[in-house]
Amino acid sequence: MCATHNITVDIHMCRTSPKRIQGPDQRNLRLQFRNKLALPLFTGSKVEGEQGSAIHVVLQDAETGQVVSSGPEASAKLDVVVLEGDFANDDVENWTQEEFENFEVRERDGKRPLLTGELSVTLKDGVGTLGELTFTDNSSWIRSRKFRLGVKISSGFCEGLRIRESKTEAFTVKDHRGECMCCALYFFVVLSVLLQVTFGHKLEYCSKWTFDLIWKGVSFISMLLDRSRGWVCRQCVTASLCDF
């Protein structure tokens, strides 16, 4: 009788115990930016990865870090959005979809769309590449004075499956005229060094033609900065200051 009772209990346990094998819709998935942005960022300039590279985003298994390259989610469409810079510390990843969307930033009243260009990207085998993006406004008017870029699954894709969004590091966006001021600084510093070496003069004693030359060169350096994302200016100013 005891043996019969044990068999009955075991059969009952097998019928009621939960399955241990999880289906694909129960995986812990997340989107992840693969590289960092090139900084600083200016309005009207292209948003790029470090050293002018393309910005890539991947679909990952959050438990293993492996790229998910198969299944319908590996070819999902993503939306590119702007977030407040103070959304979630860099070591926090357990936000909800509602929390993520509550920190999305829209343009100011009467202004153009804050981010223009290709605002969506489609994953291919779990990997996507962001297209051309440009900020039309600076970040000084929002609470944190910084932005983040974010990506999320587009509406209508992977419904019923939670895929955690991704965000970049926080960054400031400056007006393009600030870039021109940087150019002017570059010219003043470099020409000052050249004049000291050649004529033994300080910049304040230069004749009018020197200042004309400085301002004519600003537009040329601005063109270089548009291509180099400010690296040329920063490096040259630093090197020139070291020569004083």
Protein backbone atom coordinates (compact mmCIF):
# COMPACT_ATOMS: atom_id res chain seq x y z
CA MET A 1 0.00 0.00 0.00
CA CYS A 2 2.88 2.30 0.81
CA ALA A 3 4.49 1.66 -2.54
CA THR A 4 1.23 2.48 -4.30
CA HIS A 5 0.94 5.70 -2.31
CA ASN A 6 4.49 6.77 -3.30
CA ILE A 7 3.83 6.13 -6.98
CA THR A 8 0.65 8.18 -6.80
CA VAL A 9 2.46 11.11 -5.20
CA ASP A 10 5.29 10.99 -7.77
CA ILE A 11 2.84 10.96 -10.68
CA HIS A 12 0.98 13.91 -9.13
CA MET A 13 4.23 15.88 -8.76
CA CYS A 14 5.19 15.27 -12.38
CA ARG A 15 1.83 16.56 -13.57
CA THR A 16 1.90 19.76 -11.51
CA SER A 17 5.61 20.74 -11.45
CA PRO A 18 6.52 23.66 -13.76
CA LYS A 19 8.58 23.11 -16.88
CA ARG A 20 12.26 23.89 -16.50
CA ILE A 21 12.90 24.48 -20.17
CA GLN A 22 12.15 28.13 -21.05
CA GLY A 23 10.82 29.12 -24.43
CA PRO A 24 12.52 31.76 -26.59
CA ASP A 25 9.99 34.39 -25.45
CA GLN A 26 11.31 34.06 -21.89
CA ARG A 27 14.90 34.96 -22.66
CA ASN A 28 16.44 38.05 -21.08
CA LEU A 29 17.20 40.15 -24.16
CA ARG A 30 18.59 43.66 -24.47
CA LEU A 31 19.82 46.13 -27.06
CA GLN A 32 23.37 47.36 -26.66
CA PHE A 33 25.40 50.17 -28.27
CA ARG A 34 28.63 48.61 -29.43
CA ASN A 35 30.79 51.76 -29.61
CA LYS A 36 30.94 55.24 -28.08
CA LEU A 37 30.11 58.57 -29.70
CA ALA A 38 32.71 61.01 -30.99
CA LEU A 39 32.70 64.07 -28.75
CA PRO A 40 32.21 67.00 -28.55
CA LEU A 41 28.93 67.29 -30.47
CA PHE A 42 27.72 70.45 -32.19
CA THR A 43 24.37 71.37 -33.73
CA GLY A 44 24.25 70.77 -37.46
CA SER A 45 27.16 68.31 -37.39
CA LYS A 46 26.85 64.60 -38.05
CA VAL A 47 26.64 62.27 -35.06
CA GLU A 48 29.38 59.64 -35.42
CA GLY A 49 31.21 57.01 -33.47
CA GLU A 50 34.74 57.46 -32.16
CA GLN A 51 37.31 58.24 -34.88
CA GLY A 52 34.51 58.84 -37.39
CA SER A 53 33.22 55.27 -37.28
CA ALA A 54 29.62 54.18 -37.79
CA ILE A 55 27.51 53.64 -34.66
CA HIS A 56 26.47 50.01 -34.21
CA VAL A 57 23.81 48.49 -31.98
CA VAL A 58 23.33 44.77 -31.31
CA LEU A 59 20.69 42.49 -29.83
CA GLN A 60 22.18 40.53 -26.95
CA ASP A 61 21.29 37.78 -24.55
CA ALA A 62 21.71 39.70 -21.28
CA GLU A 63 22.79 36.58 -19.42
CA THR A 64 25.61 35.56 -21.77
CA GLY A 65 26.39 38.74 -23.71
CA GLN A 66 26.12 36.80 -26.96
CA VAL A 67 24.58 38.42 -30.04
CA VAL A 68 21.16 36.96 -30.87
CA SER A 69 21.42 36.37 -34.62
CA SER A 70 18.32 34.25 -35.26
CA GLY A 71 14.60 34.47 -34.69
CA PRO A 72 12.17 37.27 -35.59
CA GLU A 73 13.64 39.57 -32.94
CA ALA A 74 17.02 39.49 -34.75
CA SER A 75 15.48 41.41 -37.66
CA ALA A 76 13.34 43.83 -35.66
CA LYS A 77 13.02 47.53 -36.41
CA LEU A 78 14.37 50.03 -33.88
CA ASP A 79 13.53 53.66 -33.12
CA VAL A 80 16.34 56.14 -32.36
CA VAL A 81 15.37 58.66 -29.66
CA VAL A 82 16.92 61.38 -27.50
CA LEU A 83 16.94 60.91 -23.73
CA GLU A 84 17.58 63.18 -20.75
CA GLY A 85 21.21 62.96 -19.69
CA ASP A 86 20.26 62.02 -16.14
CA PHE A 87 18.29 58.93 -17.18
CA ALA A 88 19.65 55.90 -15.28
CA ASN A 89 23.22 55.78 -14.06
CA ASP A 90 25.66 53.94 -16.29
CA ASP A 91 25.56 50.88 -14.01
CA VAL A 92 21.73 50.69 -13.92
CA GLU A 93 19.98 48.56 -16.51
CA ASN A 94 16.79 47.33 -14.85
CA TRP A 95 14.46 50.13 -15.98
CA THR A 96 11.00 49.51 -17.38
CA GLN A 97 9.76 50.51 -20.82
CA GLU A 98 7.59 53.20 -19.24
CA GLU A 99 10.55 54.69 -17.35
CA PHE A 100 12.61 54.76 -20.53
CA GLU A 101 9.91 56.53 -22.52
CA ASN A 102 9.26 59.05 -19.73
CA PHE A 103 12.81 60.34 -20.19
CA GLU A 104 12.55 60.85 -23.94
CA VAL A 105 13.18 64.46 -24.99
CA ARG A 106 11.15 66.31 -27.62
CA GLU A 107 11.97 69.55 -29.37
CA ARG A 108 11.24 72.91 -27.78
CA ASP A 109 8.07 74.73 -28.77
CA GLY A 110 8.49 76.42 -32.13
CA LYS A 111 11.72 74.57 -32.87
CA ARG A 112 12.58 72.01 -35.51
CA PRO A 113 12.64 68.31 -34.53
CA LEU A 114 15.47 67.90 -32.04
CA LEU A 115 17.10 65.00 -33.92
CA THR A 116 16.90 64.77 -37.69
CA GLY A 117 18.00 62.14 -40.19
CA GLU A 118 17.44 58.39 -40.16
CA LEU A 119 15.50 57.86 -36.94
CA SER A 120 15.00 54.12 -37.40
CA VAL A 121 17.26 51.17 -38.06
CA THR A 122 16.51 47.55 -38.92
CA LEU A 123 18.51 44.75 -37.35
CA LYS A 124 20.10 42.17 -39.62
CA ASP A 125 21.19 38.98 -37.86
CA GLY A 126 20.96 40.90 -34.60
CA VAL A 127 23.18 43.82 -35.70
CA GLY A 128 22.14 47.30 -36.82
CA THR A 129 24.00 50.41 -38.00
CA LEU A 130 22.66 53.87 -37.30
CA GLY A 131 22.30 56.18 -40.29
CA GLU A 132 23.04 59.89 -40.54
CA LEU A 133 21.82 61.84 -37.52
CA THR A 134 22.05 65.55 -36.67
CA PHE A 135 21.04 67.59 -33.62
CA THR A 136 19.27 70.87 -34.39
CA ASP A 137 19.34 72.30 -30.87
CA ASN A 138 21.81 72.45 -27.99
CA SER A 139 21.36 70.69 -24.66
CA SER A 140 21.58 73.76 -22.37
CA TRP A 141 17.79 74.12 -21.95
CA ILE A 142 16.97 70.76 -20.36
CA ARG A 143 17.24 69.83 -16.69
CA SER A 144 20.50 67.89 -16.86
CA ARG A 145 21.99 70.03 -19.67
CA LYS A 146 22.98 66.77 -21.33
CA PHE A 147 21.46 64.30 -23.78
CA ARG A 148 21.76 60.60 -24.39
CA LEU A 149 20.91 58.69 -27.54
CA GLY A 150 18.64 55.72 -27.03
CA VAL A 151 17.27 52.87 -29.13
CA LYS A 152 14.11 50.86 -28.54
CA ILE A 153 12.03 48.26 -30.37
CA SER A 154 9.56 49.93 -32.74
CA SER A 155 5.84 49.57 -32.11
CA GLY A 156 4.42 46.45 -33.74
CA PHE A 157 7.61 44.39 -33.45
CA CYS A 158 8.30 41.63 -30.91
CA GLU A 159 4.99 42.17 -29.13
CA GLY A 160 4.76 40.20 -25.92
CA LEU A 161 8.54 39.98 -25.68
CA ARG A 162 10.40 42.40 -23.41
CA ILE A 163 13.65 43.60 -25.01
CA ARG A 164 15.45 46.17 -22.87
CA GLU A 165 16.34 49.44 -24.55
CA SER A 166 19.88 50.82 -24.77
CA LYS A 167 21.40 54.23 -24.13
CA THR A 168 24.70 55.97 -24.80
CA GLU A 169 26.78 57.87 -22.29
CA ALA A 170 25.53 61.38 -21.41
CA PHE A 171 26.92 64.22 -23.55
CA THR A 172 26.45 67.93 -24.19
CA VAL A 173 25.49 69.40 -27.53
CA LYS A 174 26.82 72.90 -28.20
CA ASP A 175 25.72 75.47 -30.73
CA HIS A 176 27.68 75.47 -33.97
CA ARG A 177 28.88 79.01 -33.26
CA GLY A 178 30.79 77.62 -30.30
CA GLU A 179 32.73 75.53 -32.80
CA CYS A 180 33.67 78.72 -34.70
CA MET A 181 34.94 80.29 -31.49
CA CYS A 182 37.16 77.28 -31.08
CA CYS A 183 38.46 77.86 -34.59
CA ALA A 184 39.25 81.49 -33.79
CA LEU A 185 41.11 80.42 -30.66
CA TYR A 186 43.15 78.02 -32.74
CA PHE A 187 44.19 80.77 -35.15
CA PHE A 188 45.04 83.28 -32.43
CA VAL A 189 47.21 80.78 -30.58
CA VAL A 190 49.02 79.38 -33.61
CA LEU A 191 49.68 82.78 -35.22
CA SER A 192 50.85 84.16 -31.90
CA VAL A 193 53.44 81.40 -31.69
CA LEU A 194 54.52 81.95 -35.30
CA LEU A 195 54.89 85.71 -34.83
CA GLN A 196 56.92 85.27 -31.66
CA VAL A 197 59.27 82.92 -33.43
CA THR A 198 59.53 84.98 -36.64
CA PHE A 199 59.23 88.61 -35.50
CA GLY A 200 59.48 88.45 -31.74
CA HIS A 201 56.07 90.18 -31.48
CA LYS A 202 53.12 89.51 -29.21
CA LEU A 203 49.70 89.08 -30.79
CA GLU A 204 48.40 92.41 -29.46
CA TYR A 205 50.99 94.29 -31.53
CA CYS A 206 50.02 92.68 -34.82
CA SER A 207 48.90 94.87 -37.71
CA LYS A 208 45.43 94.83 -39.24
CA TRP A 209 46.36 92.35 -41.95
CA THR A 210 47.10 89.74 -39.30
CA PHE A 211 43.57 89.92 -37.92
CA ASP A 212 42.12 89.80 -41.43
CA LEU A 213 44.13 86.65 -42.03
CA ILE A 214 42.84 85.13 -38.80
CA TRP A 215 39.19 85.61 -39.65
CA LYS A 216 39.58 84.47 -43.25
CA GLY A 217 40.96 81.22 -41.93
CA VAL A 218 38.04 80.54 -39.60
CA SER A 219 35.76 79.25 -42.37
CA PHE A 220 38.47 76.90 -43.61
CA ILE A 221 39.10 75.41 -40.17
CA SER A 222 35.33 75.06 -39.63
CA MET A 223 35.21 72.87 -42.72
CA LEU A 224 38.00 70.71 -41.32
CA LEU A 225 36.19 70.44 -38.00
CA ASP A 226 33.03 69.23 -39.70
CA ARG A 227 35.06 66.33 -41.05
CA SER A 228 37.24 65.67 -38.03
CA ARG A 229 34.58 66.16 -35.29
CA GLY A 230 36.71 68.74 -33.46
CA TRP A 231 39.75 66.50 -32.98
CA VAL A 232 42.02 68.69 -35.13
CA CYS A 233 41.13 71.84 -33.21
CA ARG A 234 41.59 70.33 -29.77
CA GLN A 235 44.90 68.74 -30.62
CA CYS A 236 46.34 71.81 -32.35
CA VAL A 237 45.32 74.21 -29.57
CA THR A 238 46.82 71.91 -26.95
CA ALA A 239 50.06 71.56 -28.89
CA SER A 240 50.28 75.30 -29.52
CA LEU A 241 49.74 76.23 -25.88
CA CYS A 242 52.60 73.96 -24.92
CA ASP A 243 54.93 76.07 -27.07
CA PHE A 244 54.42 79.26 -25.04
